[in-house]
Amino acid sequence: DLIDYPVEMADFDTVTFDVAGVPHHVVVSGRHYGDLDRIA
């Protein structure tokens, strides 16, 4: 189980949304022009 989870460390952008009471996080590192709210 330990090796099954990737790790990202950076000054990243994130957006969070809930589905069935479970929070889901989208994390984007680096320069981007994505619309994170639309992605969510």
All heavy atoms as atom14 arrays in JSON, in Angstrom:
{
  "sequence": "DLIDYPVEMADFDTVTFDVAGVPHHVVVSGRHYGDLDRIA",
  "atom14_mask": [
    [1, 1, 1, 1, 1, 1, 1, 1, 0, 0, 0, 0, 0, 0],
    [1, 1, 1, 1, 1, 1, 1, 1, 0, 0, 0, 0, 0, 0],
    [1, 1, 1, 1, 1, 1, 1, 1, 0, 0, 0, 0, 0, 0],
    [1, 1, 1, 1, 1, 1, 1, 1, 0, 0, 0, 0, 0, 0],
    [1, 1, 1, 1, 1, 1, 1, 1, 1, 1, 1, 1, 0, 0],
    [1, 1, 1, 1, 1, 1, 1, 0, 0, 0, 0, 0, 0, 0],
    [1, 1, 1, 1, 1, 1, 1, 0, 0, 0, 0, 0, 0, 0],
    [1, 1, 1, 1, 1, 1, 1, 1, 1, 0, 0, 0, 0, 0],
    [1, 1, 1, 1, 1, 1, 1, 1, 0, 0, 0, 0, 0, 0],
    [1, 1, 1, 1, 1, 0, 0, 0, 0, 0, 0, 0, 0, 0],
    [1, 1, 1, 1, 1, 1, 1, 1, 0, 0, 0, 0, 0, 0],
    [1, 1, 1, 1, 1, 1, 1, 1, 1, 1, 1, 0, 0, 0],
    [1, 1, 1, 1, 1, 1, 1, 1, 0, 0, 0, 0, 0, 0],
    [1, 1, 1, 1, 1, 1, 1, 0, 0, 0, 0, 0, 0, 0],
    [1, 1, 1, 1, 1, 1, 1, 0, 0, 0, 0, 0, 0, 0],
    [1, 1, 1, 1, 1, 1, 1, 0, 0, 0, 0, 0, 0, 0],
    [1, 1, 1, 1, 1, 1, 1, 1, 1, 1, 1, 0, 0, 0],
    [1, 1, 1, 1, 1, 1, 1, 1, 0, 0, 0, 0, 0, 0],
    [1, 1, 1, 1, 1, 1, 1, 0, 0, 0, 0, 0, 0, 0],
    [1, 1, 1, 1, 1, 0, 0, 0, 0, 0, 0, 0, 0, 0],
    [1, 1, 1, 1, 0, 0, 0, 0, 0, 0, 0, 0, 0, 0],
    [1, 1, 1, 1, 1, 1, 1, 0, 0, 0, 0, 0, 0, 0],
    [1, 1, 1, 1, 1, 1, 1, 0, 0, 0, 0, 0, 0, 0],
    [1, 1, 1, 1, 1, 1, 1, 1, 1, 1, 0, 0, 0, 0],
    [1, 1, 1, 1, 1, 1, 1, 1, 1, 1, 0, 0, 0, 0],
    [1, 1, 1, 1, 1, 1, 1, 0, 0, 0, 0, 0, 0, 0],
    [1, 1, 1, 1, 1, 1, 1, 0, 0, 0, 0, 0, 0, 0],
    [1, 1, 1, 1, 1, 1, 1, 0, 0, 0, 0, 0, 0, 0],
    [1, 1, 1, 1, 1, 1, 0, 0, 0, 0, 0, 0, 0, 0],
    [1, 1, 1, 1, 0, 0, 0, 0, 0, 0, 0, 0, 0, 0],
    [1, 1, 1, 1, 1, 1, 1, 1, 1, 1, 1, 0, 0, 0],
    [1, 1, 1, 1, 1, 1, 1, 1, 1, 1, 0, 0, 0, 0],
    [1, 1, 1, 1, 1, 1, 1, 1, 1, 1, 1, 1, 0, 0],
    [1, 1, 1, 1, 0, 0, 0, 0, 0, 0, 0, 0, 0, 0],
    [1, 1, 1, 1, 1, 1, 1, 1, 0, 0, 0, 0, 0, 0],
    [1, 1, 1, 1, 1, 1, 1, 1, 0, 0, 0, 0, 0, 0],
    [1, 1, 1, 1, 1, 1, 1, 1, 0, 0, 0, 0, 0, 0],
    [1, 1, 1, 1, 1, 1, 1, 1, 1, 1, 1, 0, 0, 0],
    [1, 1, 1, 1, 1, 1, 1, 1, 0, 0, 0, 0, 0, 0],
    [1, 1, 1, 1, 1, 0, 0, 0, 0, 0, 0, 0, 0, 0]
  ],
  "atom14_positions": [
    [[0.83, -1.2, 0.0], [0.0, 0.0, 0.0], [0.87, 1.26, 0.0], [0.55, 2.24, -0.66], [-0.94, 0.02, 1.2], [-2.17, -0.85, 0.99], [-2.2, -1.63, 0.01], [-3.11, -0.73, 1.79], [0.0, 0.0, 0.0], [0.0, 0.0, 0.0], [0.0, 0.0, 0.0], [0.0, 0.0, 0.0], [0.0, 0.0, 0.0], [0.0, 0.0, 0.0]],
    [[1.96, 1.24, 0.75], [2.85, 2.4, 0.82], [3.36, 2.81, -0.56], [3.37, 3.99, -0.89], [4.05, 2.09, 1.73], [5.12, 3.17, 1.82], [4.59, 4.38, 2.57], [6.38, 2.63, 2.48], [0.0, 0.0, 0.0], [0.0, 0.0, 0.0], [0.0, 0.0, 0.0], [0.0, 0.0, 0.0], [0.0, 0.0, 0.0], [0.0, 0.0, 0.0]],
    [[3.75, 1.85, -1.38], [4.34, 2.19, -2.68], [3.29, 2.52, -3.74], [3.64, 2.83, -4.87], [5.29, 1.08, -3.18], [4.53, -0.23, -3.43], [6.44, 0.9, -2.2], [5.35, -1.31, -4.08], [0.0, 0.0, 0.0], [0.0, 0.0, 0.0], [0.0, 0.0, 0.0], [0.0, 0.0, 0.0], [0.0, 0.0, 0.0], [0.0, 0.0, 0.0]],
    [[2.03, 2.46, -3.36], [0.94, 2.68, -4.32], [0.52, 4.14, -4.43], [-0.41, 4.44, -5.18], [-0.26, 1.82, -3.9], [-1.17, 1.5, -5.07], [-0.7, 1.5, -6.22], [-2.36, 1.25, -4.82], [0.0, 0.0, 0.0], [0.0, 0.0, 0.0], [0.0, 0.0, 0.0], [0.0, 0.0, 0.0], [0.0, 0.0, 0.0], [0.0, 0.0, 0.0]],
    [[1.15, 5.06, -3.71], [0.75, 6.46, -3.7], [1.88, 7.35, -4.19], [2.9, 7.5, -3.51], [0.38, 6.89, -2.27], [-0.84, 6.23, -1.7], [-0.75, 5.08, -0.94], [-2.1, 6.79, -1.92], [-1.88, 4.48, -0.41], [-3.23, 6.19, -1.39], [-3.11, 5.03, -0.64], [-4.24, 4.45, -0.12], [0.0, 0.0, 0.0], [0.0, 0.0, 0.0]],
    [[1.71, 7.99, -5.34], [2.74, 8.95, -5.77], [2.73, 10.19, -4.89], [1.75, 10.48, -4.2], [2.33, 9.28, -7.21], [0.91, 8.89, -7.33], [0.63, 7.85, -6.29], [0.0, 0.0, 0.0], [0.0, 0.0, 0.0], [0.0, 0.0, 0.0], [0.0, 0.0, 0.0], [0.0, 0.0, 0.0], [0.0, 0.0, 0.0], [0.0, 0.0, 0.0]],
    [[3.84, 10.93, -4.92], [4.0, 12.15, -4.13], [4.47, 13.27, -5.04], [5.39, 13.09, -5.84], [5.04, 11.94, -3.0], [5.3, 13.24, -2.26], [4.58, 10.85, -2.04], [0.0, 0.0, 0.0], [0.0, 0.0, 0.0], [0.0, 0.0, 0.0], [0.0, 0.0, 0.0], [0.0, 0.0, 0.0], [0.0, 0.0, 0.0], [0.0, 0.0, 0.0]],
    [[3.83, 14.43, -4.95], [4.21, 15.64, -5.69], [4.51, 16.72, -4.67], [3.73, 16.96, -3.76], [3.08, 16.09, -6.61], [3.32, 17.39, -7.32], [4.32, 17.31, -8.47], [4.65, 16.2, -8.91], [4.78, 18.38, -8.91], [0.0, 0.0, 0.0], [0.0, 0.0, 0.0], [0.0, 0.0, 0.0], [0.0, 0.0, 0.0], [0.0, 0.0, 0.0]],
    [[5.65, 17.37, -4.85], [6.02, 18.51, -3.99], [6.41, 19.66, -4.91], [7.25, 19.49, -5.79], [7.21, 18.14, -3.09], [6.9, 17.0, -2.14], [8.26, 16.61, -1.02], [9.47, 15.91, -2.11], [0.0, 0.0, 0.0], [0.0, 0.0, 0.0], [0.0, 0.0, 0.0], [0.0, 0.0, 0.0], [0.0, 0.0, 0.0], [0.0, 0.0, 0.0]],
    [[5.77, 20.79, -4.71], [6.03, 21.96, -5.56], [5.18, 23.12, -5.06], [4.42, 22.99, -4.11], [5.69, 21.65, -7.02], [0.0, 0.0, 0.0], [0.0, 0.0, 0.0], [0.0, 0.0, 0.0], [0.0, 0.0, 0.0], [0.0, 0.0, 0.0], [0.0, 0.0, 0.0], [0.0, 0.0, 0.0], [0.0, 0.0, 0.0], [0.0, 0.0, 0.0]],
    [[5.31, 24.23, -5.75], [4.41, 25.37, -5.54], [3.31, 25.2, -6.58], [3.3, 25.84, -7.62], [5.19, 26.68, -5.74], [4.34, 27.89, -5.43], [3.22, 27.73, -4.89], [4.78, 29.0, -5.76], [0.0, 0.0, 0.0], [0.0, 0.0, 0.0], [0.0, 0.0, 0.0], [0.0, 0.0, 0.0], [0.0, 0.0, 0.0], [0.0, 0.0, 0.0]],
    [[2.38, 24.28, -6.32], [1.38, 23.89, -7.31], [0.04, 24.6, -7.09], [-0.2, 25.19, -6.05], [1.17, 22.38, -7.3], [0.92, 21.77, -5.96], [-0.3, 21.92, -5.3], [1.9, 21.01, -5.34], [-0.53, 21.35, -4.06], [1.68, 20.43, -4.1], [0.46, 20.59, -3.46], [0.0, 0.0, 0.0], [0.0, 0.0, 0.0], [0.0, 0.0, 0.0]],
    [[-0.8, 24.5, -8.12], [-2.17, 24.99, -8.03], [-3.08, 23.8, -7.8], [-2.79, 22.68, -8.24], [-2.58, 25.7, -9.33], [-1.8, 26.97, -9.55], [-1.54, 27.69, -8.56], [-1.45, 27.27, -10.71], [0.0, 0.0, 0.0], [0.0, 0.0, 0.0], [0.0, 0.0, 0.0], [0.0, 0.0, 0.0], [0.0, 0.0, 0.0], [0.0, 0.0, 0.0]],
    [[-4.2, 24.04, -7.14], [-5.11, 22.94, -6.85], [-6.55, 23.43, -6.85], [-6.83, 24.61, -6.61], [-4.78, 22.29, -5.49], [-5.63, 21.16, -5.29], [-4.93, 23.25, -4.35], [0.0, 0.0, 0.0], [0.0, 0.0, 0.0], [0.0, 0.0, 0.0], [0.0, 0.0, 0.0], [0.0, 0.0, 0.0], [0.0, 0.0, 0.0], [0.0, 0.0, 0.0]],
    [[-7.44, 22.51, -7.15], [-8.86, 22.74, -7.02], [-9.46, 21.48, -6.41], [-8.98, 20.37, -6.67], [-9.54, 23.09, -8.38], [-9.45, 21.93, -9.35], [-10.97, 23.53, -8.18], [0.0, 0.0, 0.0], [0.0, 0.0, 0.0], [0.0, 0.0, 0.0], [0.0, 0.0, 0.0], [0.0, 0.0, 0.0], [0.0, 0.0, 0.0], [0.0, 0.0, 0.0]],
    [[-10.44, 21.65, -5.55], [-11.05, 20.53, -4.84], [-12.54, 20.5, -5.15], [-13.19, 21.54, -5.22], [-10.83, 20.68, -3.32], [-9.43, 20.73, -3.06], [-11.45, 19.53, -2.55], [0.0, 0.0, 0.0], [0.0, 0.0, 0.0], [0.0, 0.0, 0.0], [0.0, 0.0, 0.0], [0.0, 0.0, 0.0], [0.0, 0.0, 0.0], [0.0, 0.0, 0.0]],
    [[-13.06, 19.29, -5.34], [-14.5, 19.11, -5.52], [-14.93, 17.84, -4.81], [-14.11, 16.97, -4.55], [-14.88, 19.07, -7.01], [-14.24, 17.96, -7.79], [-14.89, 16.74, -7.97], [-12.98, 18.13, -8.36], [-14.31, 15.71, -8.69], [-12.39, 17.1, -9.08], [-13.05, 15.89, -9.25], [0.0, 0.0, 0.0], [0.0, 0.0, 0.0], [0.0, 0.0, 0.0]],
    [[-16.2, 17.76, -4.46], [-16.73, 16.6, -3.75], [-17.59, 15.76, -4.69], [-18.33, 16.3, -5.51], [-17.61, 17.02, -2.57], [-16.8, 17.39, -1.35], [-15.56, 17.24, -1.39], [-17.39, 17.84, -0.36], [0.0, 0.0, 0.0], [0.0, 0.0, 0.0], [0.0, 0.0, 0.0], [0.0, 0.0, 0.0], [0.0, 0.0, 0.0], [0.0, 0.0, 0.0]],
    [[-17.48, 14.46, -4.52], [-18.37, 13.51, -5.19], [-18.72, 12.46, -4.14], [-17.81, 11.88, -3.53], [-17.71, 12.85, -6.42], [-18.64, 11.82, -7.03], [-17.3, 13.89, -7.45], [0.0, 0.0, 0.0], [0.0, 0.0, 0.0], [0.0, 0.0, 0.0], [0.0, 0.0, 0.0], [0.0, 0.0, 0.0], [0.0, 0.0, 0.0], [0.0, 0.0, 0.0]],
    [[-19.99, 12.26, -3.9], [-20.48, 11.29, -2.91], [-19.87, 11.54, -1.54], [-19.55, 10.6, -0.81], [-20.2, 9.87, -3.39], [0.0, 0.0, 0.0], [0.0, 0.0, 0.0], [0.0, 0.0, 0.0], [0.0, 0.0, 0.0], [0.0, 0.0, 0.0], [0.0, 0.0, 0.0], [0.0, 0.0, 0.0], [0.0, 0.0, 0.0], [0.0, 0.0, 0.0]],
    [[-19.67, 12.81, -1.21], [-19.12, 13.16, 0.1], [-17.62, 12.94, 0.24], [-17.08, 13.07, 1.33], [0.0, 0.0, 0.0], [0.0, 0.0, 0.0], [0.0, 0.0, 0.0], [0.0, 0.0, 0.0], [0.0, 0.0, 0.0], [0.0, 0.0, 0.0], [0.0, 0.0, 0.0], [0.0, 0.0, 0.0], [0.0, 0.0, 0.0], [0.0, 0.0, 0.0]],
    [[-16.95, 12.62, -0.86], [-15.51, 12.37, -0.84], [-14.81, 13.51, -1.56], [-15.1, 13.79, -2.73], [-15.17, 11.03, -1.54], [-13.66, 10.81, -1.59], [-15.88, 9.87, -0.84], [0.0, 0.0, 0.0], [0.0, 0.0, 0.0], [0.0, 0.0, 0.0], [0.0, 0.0, 0.0], [0.0, 0.0, 0.0], [0.0, 0.0, 0.0], [0.0, 0.0, 0.0]],
    [[-13.88, 14.2, -0.88], [-13.14, 15.27, -1.56], [-12.17, 14.71, -2.6], [-11.5, 13.71, -2.34], [-12.39, 15.98, -0.44], [-12.35, 15.02, 0.69], [-13.5, 14.07, 0.52], [0.0, 0.0, 0.0], [0.0, 0.0, 0.0], [0.0, 0.0, 0.0], [0.0, 0.0, 0.0], [0.0, 0.0, 0.0], [0.0, 0.0, 0.0], [0.0, 0.0, 0.0]],
    [[-12.15, 15.33, -3.75], [-11.22, 14.99, -4.84], [-10.37, 16.23, -5.1], [-10.91, 17.34, -5.17], [-11.98, 14.62, -6.11], [-12.75, 13.34, -6.02], [-13.79, 13.14, -5.13], [-12.62, 12.19, -6.7], [-14.27, 11.93, -5.29], [-13.58, 11.33, -6.23], [0.0, 0.0, 0.0], [0.0, 0.0, 0.0], [0.0, 0.0, 0.0], [0.0, 0.0, 0.0]],
    [[-9.08, 16.04, -5.27], [-8.16, 17.16, -5.49], [-7.49, 17.02, -6.85], [-6.98, 15.95, -7.17], [-7.09, 17.21, -4.41], [-7.62, 17.19, -3.01], [-8.2, 18.29, -2.43], [-7.7, 16.19, -2.1], [-8.58, 17.98, -1.21], [-8.3, 16.72, -0.98], [0.0, 0.0, 0.0], [0.0, 0.0, 0.0], [0.0, 0.0, 0.0], [0.0, 0.0, 0.0]],
    [[-7.47, 18.09, -7.6], [-6.69, 18.16, -8.84], [-5.49, 19.05, -8.53], [-5.66, 20.17, -8.05], [-7.52, 18.75, -10.01], [-6.66, 18.88, -11.25], [-8.75, 17.9, -10.27], [0.0, 0.0, 0.0], [0.0, 0.0, 0.0], [0.0, 0.0, 0.0], [0.0, 0.0, 0.0], [0.0, 0.0, 0.0], [0.0, 0.0, 0.0], [0.0, 0.0, 0.0]],
    [[-4.29, 18.52, -8.78], [-3.06, 19.24, -8.5], [-2.31, 19.43, -9.81], [-2.09, 18.46, -10.54], [-2.19, 18.45, -7.5], [-0.84, 19.11, -7.3], [-2.93, 18.31, -6.17], [0.0, 0.0, 0.0], [0.0, 0.0, 0.0], [0.0, 0.0, 0.0], [0.0, 0.0, 0.0], [0.0, 0.0, 0.0], [0.0, 0.0, 0.0], [0.0, 0.0, 0.0]],
    [[-1.94, 20.67, -10.11], [-1.22, 20.98, -11.35], [0.05, 21.73, -10.99], [0.01, 22.8, -10.38], [-2.09, 21.83, -12.31], [-1.33, 22.13, -13.59], [-3.4, 21.11, -12.61], [0.0, 0.0, 0.0], [0.0, 0.0, 0.0], [0.0, 0.0, 0.0], [0.0, 0.0, 0.0], [0.0, 0.0, 0.0], [0.0, 0.0, 0.0], [0.0, 0.0, 0.0]],
    [[1.2, 21.16, -11.38], [2.5, 21.79, -11.13], [2.99, 22.48, -12.39], [2.67, 22.07, -13.51], [3.54, 20.74, -10.73], [3.29, 20.27, -9.45], [0.0, 0.0, 0.0], [0.0, 0.0, 0.0], [0.0, 0.0, 0.0], [0.0, 0.0, 0.0], [0.0, 0.0, 0.0], [0.0, 0.0, 0.0], [0.0, 0.0, 0.0], [0.0, 0.0, 0.0]],
    [[3.76, 23.51, -12.19], [4.36, 24.22, -13.33], [3.42, 25.26, -13.92], [2.27, 25.4, -13.52], [0.0, 0.0, 0.0], [0.0, 0.0, 0.0], [0.0, 0.0, 0.0], [0.0, 0.0, 0.0], [0.0, 0.0, 0.0], [0.0, 0.0, 0.0], [0.0, 0.0, 0.0], [0.0, 0.0, 0.0], [0.0, 0.0, 0.0], [0.0, 0.0, 0.0]],
    [[3.95, 25.99, -14.87], [3.17, 27.03, -15.53], [2.08, 26.39, -16.39], [2.34, 25.45, -17.14], [4.09, 27.87, -16.43], [3.42, 29.08, -17.0], [4.34, 29.92, -17.83], [5.73, 29.69, -17.47], [6.75, 30.24, -18.07], [6.56, 31.05, -19.06], [7.97, 29.98, -17.69], [0.0, 0.0, 0.0], [0.0, 0.0, 0.0], [0.0, 0.0, 0.0]],
    [[0.89, 26.9, -16.27], [-0.22, 26.37, -17.05], [-1.26, 27.47, -17.25], [-1.24, 28.49, -16.57], [-0.85, 25.15, -16.35], [-1.58, 25.5, -15.1], [-2.91, 25.85, -15.09], [-1.16, 25.59, -13.81], [-3.28, 26.12, -13.85], [-2.23, 25.98, -13.06], [0.0, 0.0, 0.0], [0.0, 0.0, 0.0], [0.0, 0.0, 0.0], [0.0, 0.0, 0.0]],
    [[-2.15, 27.23, -18.17], [-3.23, 28.17, -18.44], [-4.57, 27.46, -18.33], [-5.55, 27.89, -18.92], [-3.05, 28.8, -19.83], [-1.73, 29.51, -19.94], [-0.65, 28.92, -20.58], [-1.53, 30.76, -19.35], [0.57, 29.56, -20.67], [-0.31, 31.41, -19.42], [0.73, 30.8, -20.08], [1.95, 31.43, -20.14], [0.0, 0.0, 0.0], [0.0, 0.0, 0.0]],
    [[-4.58, 26.37, -17.56], [-5.79, 25.59, -17.42], [-6.84, 26.29, -16.56], [-6.51, 27.03, -15.64], [0.0, 0.0, 0.0], [0.0, 0.0, 0.0], [0.0, 0.0, 0.0], [0.0, 0.0, 0.0], [0.0, 0.0, 0.0], [0.0, 0.0, 0.0], [0.0, 0.0, 0.0], [0.0, 0.0, 0.0], [0.0, 0.0, 0.0], [0.0, 0.0, 0.0]],
    [[-8.08, 26.05, -16.89], [-9.21, 26.54, -16.1], [-9.54, 25.45, -15.09], [-10.29, 24.52, -15.38], [-10.39, 26.83, -17.03], [-11.61, 27.37, -16.32], [-11.69, 27.26, -15.07], [-12.51, 27.87, -17.02], [0.0, 0.0, 0.0], [0.0, 0.0, 0.0], [0.0, 0.0, 0.0], [0.0, 0.0, 0.0], [0.0, 0.0, 0.0], [0.0, 0.0, 0.0]],
    [[-8.97, 25.54, -13.9], [-9.11, 24.48, -12.91], [-10.56, 24.29, -12.46], [-10.98, 23.16, -12.21], [-8.2, 24.74, -11.71], [-6.7, 24.7, -11.98], [-5.9, 24.88, -10.69], [-6.29, 23.41, -12.67], [0.0, 0.0, 0.0], [0.0, 0.0, 0.0], [0.0, 0.0, 0.0], [0.0, 0.0, 0.0], [0.0, 0.0, 0.0], [0.0, 0.0, 0.0]],
    [[-11.32, 25.36, -12.39], [-12.73, 25.21, -12.01], [-13.49, 24.41, -13.07], [-14.32, 23.56, -12.74], [-13.38, 26.58, -11.8], [-12.83, 27.28, -10.56], [-12.47, 26.59, -9.59], [-12.76, 28.52, -10.57], [0.0, 0.0, 0.0], [0.0, 0.0, 0.0], [0.0, 0.0, 0.0], [0.0, 0.0, 0.0], [0.0, 0.0, 0.0], [0.0, 0.0, 0.0]],
    [[-13.2, 24.67, -14.32], [-13.86, 23.91, -15.39], [-13.41, 22.45, -15.37], [-14.22, 21.54, -15.56], [-13.57, 24.51, -16.75], [-14.26, 23.72, -17.85], [-14.16, 24.35, -19.19], [-14.82, 23.47, -20.15], [-14.79, 23.65, -21.43], [-14.16, 24.7, -21.93], [-15.39, 22.83, -22.23], [0.0, 0.0, 0.0], [0.0, 0.0, 0.0], [0.0, 0.0, 0.0]],
    [[-12.12, 22.22, -15.14], [-11.63, 20.85, -15.04], [-12.37, 20.11, -13.92], [-12.81, 18.97, -14.1], [-10.1, 20.83, -14.8], [-9.39, 21.31, -16.07], [-9.61, 19.45, -14.39], [-7.9, 21.54, -15.91], [0.0, 0.0, 0.0], [0.0, 0.0, 0.0], [0.0, 0.0, 0.0], [0.0, 0.0, 0.0], [0.0, 0.0, 0.0], [0.0, 0.0, 0.0]],
    [[-12.56, 20.77, -12.78], [-13.29, 20.16, -11.67], [-14.73, 19.85, -12.07], [-15.23, 18.75, -11.78], [-13.25, 21.07, -10.44], [0.0, 0.0, 0.0], [0.0, 0.0, 0.0], [0.0, 0.0, 0.0], [0.0, 0.0, 0.0], [0.0, 0.0, 0.0], [0.0, 0.0, 0.0], [0.0, 0.0, 0.0], [0.0, 0.0, 0.0], [0.0, 0.0, 0.0]]
  ]
}
